C-alpha atoms as a PDB file:
ATOM      1  CA  UNK A   1     123.423 194.819  50.533  1.00  0.00           C
ATOM      2  CA  UNK A   2     126.418 192.720  49.608  1.00  0.00           C
ATOM      3  CA  UNK A   3     126.620 190.544  46.334  1.00  0.00           C
ATOM      4  CA  UNK A   4     126.276 187.497  48.045  1.00  0.00           C
ATOM      5  CA  UNK A   5     122.692 188.527  49.367  1.00  0.00           C
ATOM      6  CA  UNK A   6     121.614 190.666  46.476  1.00  0.00           C
ATOM      7  CA  UNK A   7     118.744 188.574  44.443  1.00  0.00           C
ATOM      8  CA  UNK A   8     120.322 190.206  41.043  1.00  0.00           C
ATOM      9  CA  UNK A   9     123.445 188.380  41.268  1.00  0.00           C
ATOM     10  CA  UNK A  10     121.808 185.238  42.294  1.00  0.00           C
ATOM     11  CA  UNK A  11     122.510 181.824  40.640  1.00  0.00           C
ATOM     12  CA  UNK A  12     118.809 181.898  38.915  1.00  0.00           C
ATOM     13  CA  UNK A  13     119.505 185.378  37.437  1.00  0.00           C
ATOM     14  CA  UNK A  14     122.955 184.962  36.148  1.00  0.00           C
ATOM     15  CA  UNK A  15     121.753 181.455  34.596  1.00  0.00           C
ATOM     16  CA  UNK A  16     118.727 183.272  33.083  1.00  0.00           C
ATOM     17  CA  UNK A  17     121.052 186.315  31.646  1.00  0.00           C
ATOM     18  CA  UNK A  18     123.345 183.447  29.893  1.00  0.00           C
ATOM     19  CA  UNK A  19     120.317 182.101  28.314  1.00  0.00           C
ATOM     20  CA  UNK A  20     119.066 185.381  27.150  1.00  0.00           C
ATOM     21  CA  UNK A  21     122.494 185.976  25.578  1.00  0.00           C
ATOM     22  CA  UNK A  22     122.749 182.714  24.008  1.00  0.00           C
ATOM     23  CA  UNK A  23     119.501 183.144  22.362  1.00  0.00           C
ATOM     24  CA  UNK A  24     119.745 186.580  21.493  1.00  0.00           C
ATOM     25  CA  UNK A  25     123.139 185.845  19.372  1.00  0.00           C
ATOM     26  CA  UNK A  26     121.572 182.894  17.973  1.00  0.00           C
ATOM     27  CA  UNK A  27     118.487 185.419  16.890  1.00  0.00           C
ATOM     28  CA  UNK A  28     121.237 187.866  15.493  1.00  0.00           C
ATOM     29  CA  UNK A  29     122.857 185.523  13.308  1.00  0.00           C
ATOM     30  CA  UNK A  30     120.260 183.797  11.752  1.00  0.00           C
ATOM     31  CA  UNK A  31     121.675 183.881   8.044  1.00  0.00           C
ATOM     32  CA  UNK A  32     124.105 181.009   9.271  1.00  0.00           C
ATOM     33  CA  UNK A  33     122.394 177.667  10.403  1.00  0.00           C
ATOM     34  CA  UNK A  34     119.806 175.844   7.841  1.00  0.00           C
ATOM     35  CA  UNK A  35     116.556 175.387   7.827  1.00  0.00           C
ATOM     36  CA  UNK A  36     116.434 172.543   9.713  1.00  0.00           C
ATOM     37  CA  UNK A  37     119.326 173.341  12.154  1.00  0.00           C
ATOM     38  CA  UNK A  38     117.110 176.651  12.743  1.00  0.00           C
ATOM     39  CA  UNK A  39     114.265 174.728  13.758  1.00  0.00           C
ATOM     40  CA  UNK A  40     116.186 172.375  15.855  1.00  0.00           C
ATOM     41  CA  UNK A  41     118.040 175.173  17.594  1.00  0.00           C
ATOM     42  CA  UNK A  42     115.087 177.443  18.495  1.00  0.00           C
ATOM     43  CA  UNK A  43     113.096 174.239  19.855  1.00  0.00           C
ATOM     44  CA  UNK A  44     116.071 173.485  22.535  1.00  0.00           C
ATOM     45  CA  UNK A  45     116.769 177.393  23.221  1.00  0.00           C
ATOM     46  CA  UNK A  46     113.095 178.319  23.701  1.00  0.00           C
ATOM     47  CA  UNK A  47     112.334 175.666  27.013  1.00  0.00           C
ATOM     48  CA  UNK A  48     115.668 176.357  28.613  1.00  0.00           C
ATOM     49  CA  UNK A  49     114.636 180.080  28.323  1.00  0.00           C
ATOM     50  CA  UNK A  50     111.010 179.675  29.704  1.00  0.00           C
ATOM     51  CA  UNK A  51     112.310 177.336  32.456  1.00  0.00           C
ATOM     52  CA  UNK A  52     114.993 179.950  33.612  1.00  0.00           C
ATOM     53  CA  UNK A  53     112.340 182.871  33.637  1.00  0.00           C
ATOM     54  CA  UNK A  54     110.504 180.761  36.144  1.00  0.00           C
ATOM     55  CA  UNK A  55     113.188 180.762  38.519  1.00  0.00           C
ATOM     56  CA  UNK A  56     113.884 184.583  38.272  1.00  0.00           C
ATOM     57  CA  UNK A  57     112.991 185.898  41.710  1.00  0.00           C
ATOM     58  CA  UNK A  58     110.102 187.798  42.918  1.00  0.00           C
ATOM     59  CA  UNK A  59     111.181 191.606  43.152  1.00  0.00           C
ATOM     60  CA  UNK A  60     109.207 194.861  43.780  1.00  0.00           C
ATOM     61  CA  UNK A  61     109.824 197.691  41.308  1.00  0.00           C
ATOM     62  CA  UNK A  62     112.044 200.501  43.390  1.00  0.00           C
ATOM     63  CA  UNK A  63     113.259 202.808  40.717  1.00  0.00           C
ATOM     64  CA  UNK A  64     111.058 203.828  38.077  1.00  0.00           C
ATOM     65  CA  UNK A  65     113.055 205.764  36.159  1.00  0.00           C
ATOM     66  CA  UNK A  66     115.477 202.709  34.387  1.00  0.00           C
ATOM     67  CA  UNK A  67     113.284 201.941  31.465  1.00  0.00           C
ATOM     68  CA  UNK A  68     115.466 202.741  28.812  1.00  0.00           C
ATOM     69  CA  UNK A  69     114.884 200.721  25.405  1.00  0.00           C
ATOM     70  CA  UNK A  70     117.735 200.015  22.797  1.00  0.00           C
ATOM     71  CA  UNK A  71     116.206 197.819  19.999  1.00  0.00           C
ATOM     72  CA  UNK A  72     115.146 200.158  17.696  1.00  0.00           C
ATOM     73  CA  UNK A  73     112.243 199.868  14.934  1.00  0.00           C
ATOM     74  CA  UNK A  74     114.751 199.116  12.503  1.00  0.00           C
ATOM     75  CA  UNK A  75     116.444 196.441  14.899  1.00  0.00           C
ATOM     76  CA  UNK A  76     113.236 194.723  15.460  1.00  0.00           C
ATOM     77  CA  UNK A  77     112.496 194.331  11.549  1.00  0.00           C
ATOM     78  CA  UNK A  78     115.973 193.732  10.836  1.00  0.00           C
ATOM     79  CA  UNK A  79     115.432 190.318  13.298  1.00  0.00           C
ATOM     80  CA  UNK A  80     111.749 189.598  12.144  1.00  0.00           C
ATOM     81  CA  UNK A  81     112.599 189.627   8.183  1.00  0.00           C
ATOM     82  CA  UNK A  82     115.803 187.667   8.892  1.00  0.00           C
ATOM     83  CA  UNK A  83     113.613 184.537  10.664  1.00  0.00           C
ATOM     84  CA  UNK A  84     110.730 185.061   8.177  1.00  0.00           C
ATOM     85  CA  UNK A  85     113.068 184.627   5.076  1.00  0.00           C
ATOM     86  CA  UNK A  86     114.688 181.685   6.629  1.00  0.00           C
ATOM     87  CA  UNK A  87     111.304 179.816   7.525  1.00  0.00           C
ATOM     88  CA  UNK A  88     109.358 181.074   4.551  1.00  0.00           C
ATOM     89  CA  UNK A  89     106.656 178.971   4.221  1.00  0.00           C
ATOM     90  CA  UNK A  90     106.527 177.465   7.821  1.00  0.00           C
ATOM     91  CA  UNK A  91     106.641 180.653   9.201  1.00  0.00           C
ATOM     92  CA  UNK A  92     102.690 181.276   9.630  1.00  0.00           C
ATOM     93  CA  UNK A  93     100.711 178.932  11.530  1.00  0.00           C
ATOM     94  CA  UNK A  94      96.789 178.557  13.358  1.00  0.00           C
ATOM     95  CA  UNK A  95      97.097 180.244  16.730  1.00  0.00           C
ATOM     96  CA  UNK A  96      95.008 178.139  19.248  1.00  0.00           C
ATOM     97  CA  UNK A  97      94.594 180.241  22.334  1.00  0.00           C
ATOM     98  CA  UNK A  98      94.101 184.286  22.497  1.00  0.00           C
ATOM     99  CA  UNK A  99      92.861 185.789  25.764  1.00  0.00           C
ATOM    100  CA  UNK A 100      91.816 188.384  23.584  1.00  0.00           C
ATOM    101  CA  UNK A 101      89.518 186.730  21.418  1.00  0.00           C
ATOM    102  CA  UNK A 102      87.845 183.822  23.361  1.00  0.00           C
ATOM    103  CA  UNK A 103      84.619 183.786  21.676  1.00  0.00           C
ATOM    104  CA  UNK A 104      85.898 183.823  18.024  1.00  0.00           C
ATOM    105  CA  UNK A 105      85.656 180.631  16.211  1.00  0.00           C
ATOM    106  CA  UNK A 106      87.664 181.843  13.590  1.00  0.00           C
ATOM    107  CA  UNK A 107      91.022 180.602  13.372  1.00  0.00           C
ATOM    108  CA  UNK A 108      93.883 183.106  14.412  1.00  0.00           C
ATOM    109  CA  UNK A 109      96.885 183.243  12.074  1.00  0.00           C
ATOM    110  CA  UNK A 110      99.841 183.731  13.803  1.00  0.00           C
ATOM    111  CA  UNK A 111     103.752 184.091  12.903  1.00  0.00           C
ATOM    112  CA  UNK A 112     106.744 182.342  14.366  1.00  0.00           C
ATOM    113  CA  UNK A 113     109.104 185.311  13.230  1.00  0.00           C
ATOM    114  CA  UNK A 114     106.972 187.706  14.813  1.00  0.00           C
ATOM    115  CA  UNK A 115     106.746 185.678  18.067  1.00  0.00           C
ATOM    116  CA  UNK A 116     110.758 185.154  18.008  1.00  0.00           C
ATOM    117  CA  UNK A 117     111.072 189.008  17.461  1.00  0.00           C
ATOM    118  CA  UNK A 118     109.053 189.929  20.053  1.00  0.00           C
ATOM    119  CA  UNK A 119     111.055 187.848  22.668  1.00  0.00           C
ATOM    120  CA  UNK A 120     114.004 189.274  20.980  1.00  0.00           C
ATOM    121  CA  UNK A 121     113.147 192.704  21.746  1.00  0.00           C
ATOM    122  CA  UNK A 122     112.400 192.369  25.465  1.00  0.00           C
ATOM    123  CA  UNK A 123     115.619 190.029  26.420  1.00  0.00           C
ATOM    124  CA  UNK A 124     117.677 191.951  24.278  1.00  0.00           C
ATOM    125  CA  UNK A 125     116.854 195.195  26.075  1.00  0.00           C
ATOM    126  CA  UNK A 126     117.364 193.273  29.644  1.00  0.00           C
ATOM    127  CA  UNK A 127     120.341 191.765  28.516  1.00  0.00           C
ATOM    128  CA  UNK A 128     121.757 195.930  27.589  1.00  0.00           C
ATOM    129  CA  UNK A 129     120.236 197.012  30.531  1.00  0.00           C
ATOM    130  CA  UNK A 130     121.617 194.534  33.150  1.00  0.00           C
ATOM    131  CA  UNK A 131     125.303 194.592  31.588  1.00  0.00           C
ATOM    132  CA  UNK A 132     125.204 198.633  32.383  1.00  0.00           C
ATOM    133  CA  UNK A 133     126.507 197.110  36.189  1.00  0.00           C
ATOM    134  CA  UNK A 134     124.638 199.755  38.145  1.00  0.00           C
ATOM    135  CA  UNK A 135     122.693 197.481  40.839  1.00  0.00           C
ATOM    136  CA  UNK A 136     119.931 199.613  40.520  1.00  0.00           C
ATOM    137  CA  UNK A 137     119.499 199.335  37.100  1.00  0.00           C
ATOM    138  CA  UNK A 138     120.107 195.527  37.092  1.00  0.00           C
ATOM    139  CA  UNK A 139     117.431 195.285  39.815  1.00  0.00           C
ATOM    140  CA  UNK A 140     114.836 196.882  37.480  1.00  0.00           C
ATOM    141  CA  UNK A 141     115.770 195.544  34.333  1.00  0.00           C
ATOM    142  CA  UNK A 142     115.348 191.799  36.300  1.00  0.00           C
ATOM    143  CA  UNK A 143     111.943 193.069  37.723  1.00  0.00           C
ATOM    144  CA  UNK A 144     110.637 194.221  34.213  1.00  0.00           C
ATOM    145  CA  UNK A 145     111.988 191.295  32.445  1.00  0.00           C
ATOM    146  CA  UNK A 146     110.070 188.960  34.840  1.00  0.00           C
ATOM    147  CA  UNK A 147     106.657 190.967  34.626  1.00  0.00           C
ATOM    148  CA  UNK A 148     107.111 190.910  30.650  1.00  0.00           C
ATOM    149  CA  UNK A 149     107.695 187.087  30.676  1.00  0.00           C
ATOM    150  CA  UNK A 150     104.007 186.630  33.068  1.00  0.00           C
ATOM    151  CA  UNK A 151     102.243 188.573  30.871  1.00  0.00           C
ATOM    152  CA  UNK A 152     103.802 189.028  27.436  1.00  0.00           C
ATOM    153  CA  UNK A 153     106.993 187.114  26.059  1.00  0.00           C
ATOM    154  CA  UNK A 154     106.094 183.805  27.748  1.00  0.00           C
ATOM    155  CA  UNK A 155     102.856 183.618  26.135  1.00  0.00           C
ATOM    156  CA  UNK A 156     104.758 184.028  22.732  1.00  0.00           C
ATOM    157  CA  UNK A 157     107.426 181.889  23.356  1.00  0.00           C
ATOM    158  CA  UNK A 158     105.070 178.801  24.434  1.00  0.00           C
ATOM    159  CA  UNK A 159     102.735 179.925  21.034  1.00  0.00           C
ATOM    160  CA  UNK A 160     106.053 179.681  18.886  1.00  0.00           C
ATOM    161  CA  UNK A 161     107.237 176.308  20.553  1.00  0.00           C
ATOM    162  CA  UNK A 162     104.410 174.612  19.814  1.00  0.00           C
ATOM    163  CA  UNK A 163     104.549 175.542  16.279  1.00  0.00           C
ATOM    164  CA  UNK A 164     108.422 174.767  16.253  1.00  0.00           C
ATOM    165  CA  UNK A 165     107.531 171.162  17.591  1.00  0.00           C
ATOM    166  CA  UNK A 166     105.210 170.638  14.595  1.00  0.00           C
ATOM    167  CA  UNK A 167     107.940 171.261  11.947  1.00  0.00           C
ATOM    168  CA  UNK A 168     110.456 169.869  14.571  1.00  0.00           C
ATOM    169  CA  UNK A 169     108.780 165.817  14.474  1.00  0.00           C
ATOM    170  CA  UNK A 170     106.849 166.426  11.218  1.00  0.00           C
ATOM    171  CA  UNK A 171     107.828 165.458   7.470  1.00  0.00           C
ATOM    172  CA  UNK A 172     106.887 168.490   6.507  1.00  0.00           C
ATOM    173  CA  UNK A 173     109.777 170.032   4.957  1.00  0.00           C
ATOM    174  CA  UNK A 174     111.761 169.022   2.137  1.00  0.00           C
ATOM    175  CA  UNK A 175     114.549 166.990   2.714  1.00  0.00           C
ATOM    176  CA  UNK A 176     116.721 169.381   0.174  1.00  0.00           C
ATOM    177  CA  UNK A 177     116.266 171.991   2.740  1.00  0.00           C
ATOM    178  CA  UNK A 178     117.282 170.213   5.746  1.00  0.00           C
ATOM    179  CA  UNK A 179     120.939 170.309   4.292  1.00  0.00           C
ATOM    180  CA  UNK A 180     123.597 171.387   6.871  1.00  0.00           C
ATOM    181  CA  UNK A 181     125.649 174.146   5.228  1.00  0.00           C
ATOM    182  CA  UNK A 182     129.634 174.288   6.763  1.00  0.00           C
ATOM    183  CA  UNK A 183     129.318 177.601   7.932  1.00  0.00           C
ATOM    184  CA  UNK A 184     126.006 177.006  10.087  1.00  0.00           C
ATOM    185  CA  UNK A 185     125.838 178.285  13.428  1.00  0.00           C
ATOM    186  CA  UNK A 186     125.267 175.954  16.213  1.00  0.00           C
ATOM    187  CA  UNK A 187     124.171 176.866  19.587  1.00  0.00           C
ATOM    188  CA  UNK A 188     127.000 174.693  20.701  1.00  0.00           C
ATOM    189  CA  UNK A 189     129.270 176.603  19.006  1.00  0.00           C
ATOM    190  CA  UNK A 190     128.944 179.694  21.154  1.00  0.00           C
ATOM    191  CA  UNK A 191     132.048 180.505  23.152  1.00  0.00           C
ATOM    192  CA  UNK A 192     130.645 181.592  26.672  1.00  0.00           C
ATOM    193  CA  UNK A 193     134.141 181.571  28.219  1.00  0.00           C
ATOM    194  CA  UNK A 194     134.764 185.403  28.208  1.00  0.00           C
ATOM    195  CA  UNK A 195     131.961 186.484  29.194  1.00  0.00           C
ATOM    196  CA  UNK A 196     131.249 188.489  32.659  1.00  0.00           C
ATOM    197  CA  UNK A 197     128.292 186.642  33.269  1.00  0.00           C
ATOM    198  CA  UNK A 198     130.173 183.129  33.097  1.00  0.00           C
ATOM    199  CA  UNK A 199     132.996 185.023  35.115  1.00  0.00           C
ATOM    200  CA  UNK A 200     130.518 185.552  37.993  1.00  0.00           C
ATOM    201  CA  UNK A 201     128.878 182.225  37.740  1.00  0.00           C
ATOM    202  CA  UNK A 202     132.146 180.442  38.019  1.00  0.00           C
ATOM    203  CA  UNK A 203     132.616 182.715  41.215  1.00  0.00           C
ATOM    204  CA  UNK A 204     129.388 181.813  42.724  1.00  0.00           C
ATOM    205  CA  UNK A 205     130.497 178.156  42.261  1.00  0.00           C
ATOM    206  CA  UNK A 206     133.788 178.637  43.854  1.00  0.00           C
ATOM    207  CA  UNK A 207     132.221 180.357  46.329  1.00  0.00           C
ATOM    208  CA  UNK A 208     129.430 177.401  47.139  1.00  0.00           C
END
């Protein structure tokens, strides 16, 4: 199958890969932005990820052997701690919907940092598998990521977004914590021009 007809090289998949890369780079450098910028950028990145994931092609699993995972427990905990340290008292929130506890009247405690670390784990594994470059591995990575989005990290994304929306548009955070340090990282500062995915997207646009 030519690349032009192969769904793993489609515009929808390539744009999703770019969104995943942006998210993972941002999460891996949690120490750079201040709390206000972190909340603001997370609030922008998550809806984009969700939108791009909904456009992933519907595939059937063909290569069951390609299930390698790269994000270790240590990696996960490092990301989790970094976000938790950044958000501090603003990390915890009460969950509204939990399909596993439909009959419970007690509020369910949830964590933005845990939600984002869960999303990072799946998307980082997806990116590293996709970048292997083998059509079979890339195909299975897209299929697995879409499945996980539908049953796992998509729900965590919407949960975290609700809490981040509240923080973004509330006056809960002290003004002193909203300062902008000079070394902060902003999503617009990420240089993507040399990424393989960026070059593939450019080729795709040229073909059109």
